[in-house]
Amino acid sequence: MDWQQQVSLSIVAATALAFAVARWRRRKFSFQRDTHCGCQAGRTVERSSIVYAAKKGERPRVIVKMR
């Protein structure tokens, strides 16, 4: 095994180790992510939805519905 193979394998091993550490590391507490409530008191939020419609042989359409 020459030096180029050793370097490339060490890069792959370091990347795999970094992914493994990131997977098992404890995340910081985020109120919005962990409680599913990131709203502010007294603030109303407009909700909208986006619908993608496409049929074979026709142009695709994007429909935005404001609620």
C-alpha atoms as a PDB file:
ATOM      1  CA  MET A   1       0.000   0.000   0.000  1.00  0.00           C
ATOM      2  CA  ASP A   2       1.546   3.300  -1.055  1.00  0.00           C
ATOM      3  CA  TRP A   3       1.244   6.643   0.713  1.00  0.00           C
ATOM      4  CA  GLN A   4      -1.635   7.877  -1.468  1.00  0.00           C
ATOM      5  CA  GLN A   5      -3.836   4.943  -0.488  1.00  0.00           C
ATOM      6  CA  GLN A   6      -2.995   5.465   3.176  1.00  0.00           C
ATOM      7  CA  VAL A   7      -3.890   9.152   2.973  1.00  0.00           C
ATOM      8  CA  SER A   8      -7.162   8.487   1.156  1.00  0.00           C
ATOM      9  CA  LEU A   9      -8.160   5.737   3.610  1.00  0.00           C
ATOM     10  CA  SER A  10      -7.338   7.974   6.570  1.00  0.00           C
ATOM     11  CA  ILE A  11      -9.546  10.733   5.095  1.00  0.00           C
ATOM     12  CA  VAL A  12     -12.400   8.253   4.668  1.00  0.00           C
ATOM     13  CA  ALA A  13     -11.911   6.952   8.219  1.00  0.00           C
ATOM     14  CA  ALA A  14     -11.844  10.487   9.659  1.00  0.00           C
ATOM     15  CA  THR A  15     -15.041  11.345   7.793  1.00  0.00           C
ATOM     16  CA  ALA A  16     -16.792   8.196   9.026  1.00  0.00           C
ATOM     17  CA  LEU A  17     -15.662   8.957  12.578  1.00  0.00           C
ATOM     18  CA  ALA A  18     -16.940  12.542  12.325  1.00  0.00           C
ATOM     19  CA  PHE A  19     -20.346  11.322  11.124  1.00  0.00           C
ATOM     20  CA  ALA A  20     -20.524   8.746  13.931  1.00  0.00           C
ATOM     21  CA  VAL A  21     -19.630  11.310  16.598  1.00  0.00           C
ATOM     22  CA  ALA A  22     -22.185  13.789  15.215  1.00  0.00           C
ATOM     23  CA  ARG A  23     -24.882  11.120  15.250  1.00  0.00           C
ATOM     24  CA  TRP A  24     -24.384  10.144  18.898  1.00  0.00           C
ATOM     25  CA  ARG A  25     -23.540  13.596  20.255  1.00  0.00           C
ATOM     26  CA  ARG A  26     -26.219  15.214  22.376  1.00  0.00           C
ATOM     27  CA  ARG A  27     -27.852  18.179  20.672  1.00  0.00           C
ATOM     28  CA  LYS A  28     -28.368  21.557  22.291  1.00  0.00           C
ATOM     29  CA  PHE A  29     -31.878  22.198  23.561  1.00  0.00           C
ATOM     30  CA  SER A  30     -33.939  24.215  21.102  1.00  0.00           C
ATOM     31  CA  PHE A  31     -37.334  25.392  22.308  1.00  0.00           C
ATOM     32  CA  GLN A  32     -38.741  25.569  18.791  1.00  0.00           C
ATOM     33  CA  ARG A  33     -37.441  22.160  17.682  1.00  0.00           C
ATOM     34  CA  ASP A  34     -38.060  20.222  20.888  1.00  0.00           C
ATOM     35  CA  THR A  35     -41.491  21.610  21.801  1.00  0.00           C
ATOM     36  CA  HIS A  36     -42.825  22.326  18.292  1.00  0.00           C
ATOM     37  CA  CYS A  37     -43.802  25.809  19.392  1.00  0.00           C
ATOM     38  CA  GLY A  38     -41.718  28.657  18.092  1.00  0.00           C
ATOM     39  CA  CYS A  39     -44.515  31.193  18.075  1.00  0.00           C
ATOM     40  CA  GLN A  40     -44.484  34.465  19.913  1.00  0.00           C
ATOM     41  CA  ALA A  41     -47.377  35.374  22.205  1.00  0.00           C
ATOM     42  CA  GLY A  42     -49.978  37.627  20.596  1.00  0.00           C
ATOM     43  CA  ARG A  43     -48.663  37.169  17.078  1.00  0.00           C
ATOM     44  CA  THR A  44     -50.888  35.715  14.393  1.00  0.00           C
ATOM     45  CA  VAL A  45     -49.324  33.637  11.677  1.00  0.00           C
ATOM     46  CA  GLU A  46     -50.757  33.469   8.179  1.00  0.00           C
ATOM     47  CA  ARG A  47     -50.662  29.976   6.840  1.00  0.00           C
ATOM     48  CA  SER A  48     -50.441  29.150   3.192  1.00  0.00           C
ATOM     49  CA  SER A  49     -50.063  25.972   1.244  1.00  0.00           C
ATOM     50  CA  ILE A  50     -48.353  25.205  -2.019  1.00  0.00           C
ATOM     51  CA  VAL A  51     -49.829  22.592  -4.335  1.00  0.00           C
ATOM     52  CA  TYR A  52     -47.859  21.131  -7.230  1.00  0.00           C
ATOM     53  CA  ALA A  53     -50.125  19.783  -9.962  1.00  0.00           C
ATOM     54  CA  ALA A  54     -48.823  17.965 -13.012  1.00  0.00           C
ATOM     55  CA  LYS A  55     -50.499  15.655 -15.479  1.00  0.00           C
ATOM     56  CA  LYS A  56     -48.940  13.683 -18.266  1.00  0.00           C
ATOM     57  CA  GLY A  57     -48.778  15.748 -21.419  1.00  0.00           C
ATOM     58  CA  GLU A  58     -49.644  19.038 -19.664  1.00  0.00           C
ATOM     59  CA  ARG A  59     -47.580  21.817 -18.172  1.00  0.00           C
ATOM     60  CA  PRO A  60     -46.936  21.500 -14.437  1.00  0.00           C
ATOM     61  CA  ARG A  61     -48.721  24.070 -12.266  1.00  0.00           C
ATOM     62  CA  VAL A  62     -47.863  25.536  -8.901  1.00  0.00           C
ATOM     63  CA  ILE A  63     -50.880  26.747  -6.913  1.00  0.00           C
ATOM     64  CA  VAL A  64     -50.394  28.891  -3.808  1.00  0.00           C
ATOM     65  CA  LYS A  65     -53.401  28.961  -1.465  1.00  0.00           C
ATOM     66  CA  MET A  66     -53.475  31.704   1.144  1.00  0.00           C
ATOM     67  CA  ARG A  67     -55.559  31.002   4.228  1.00  0.00           C
END
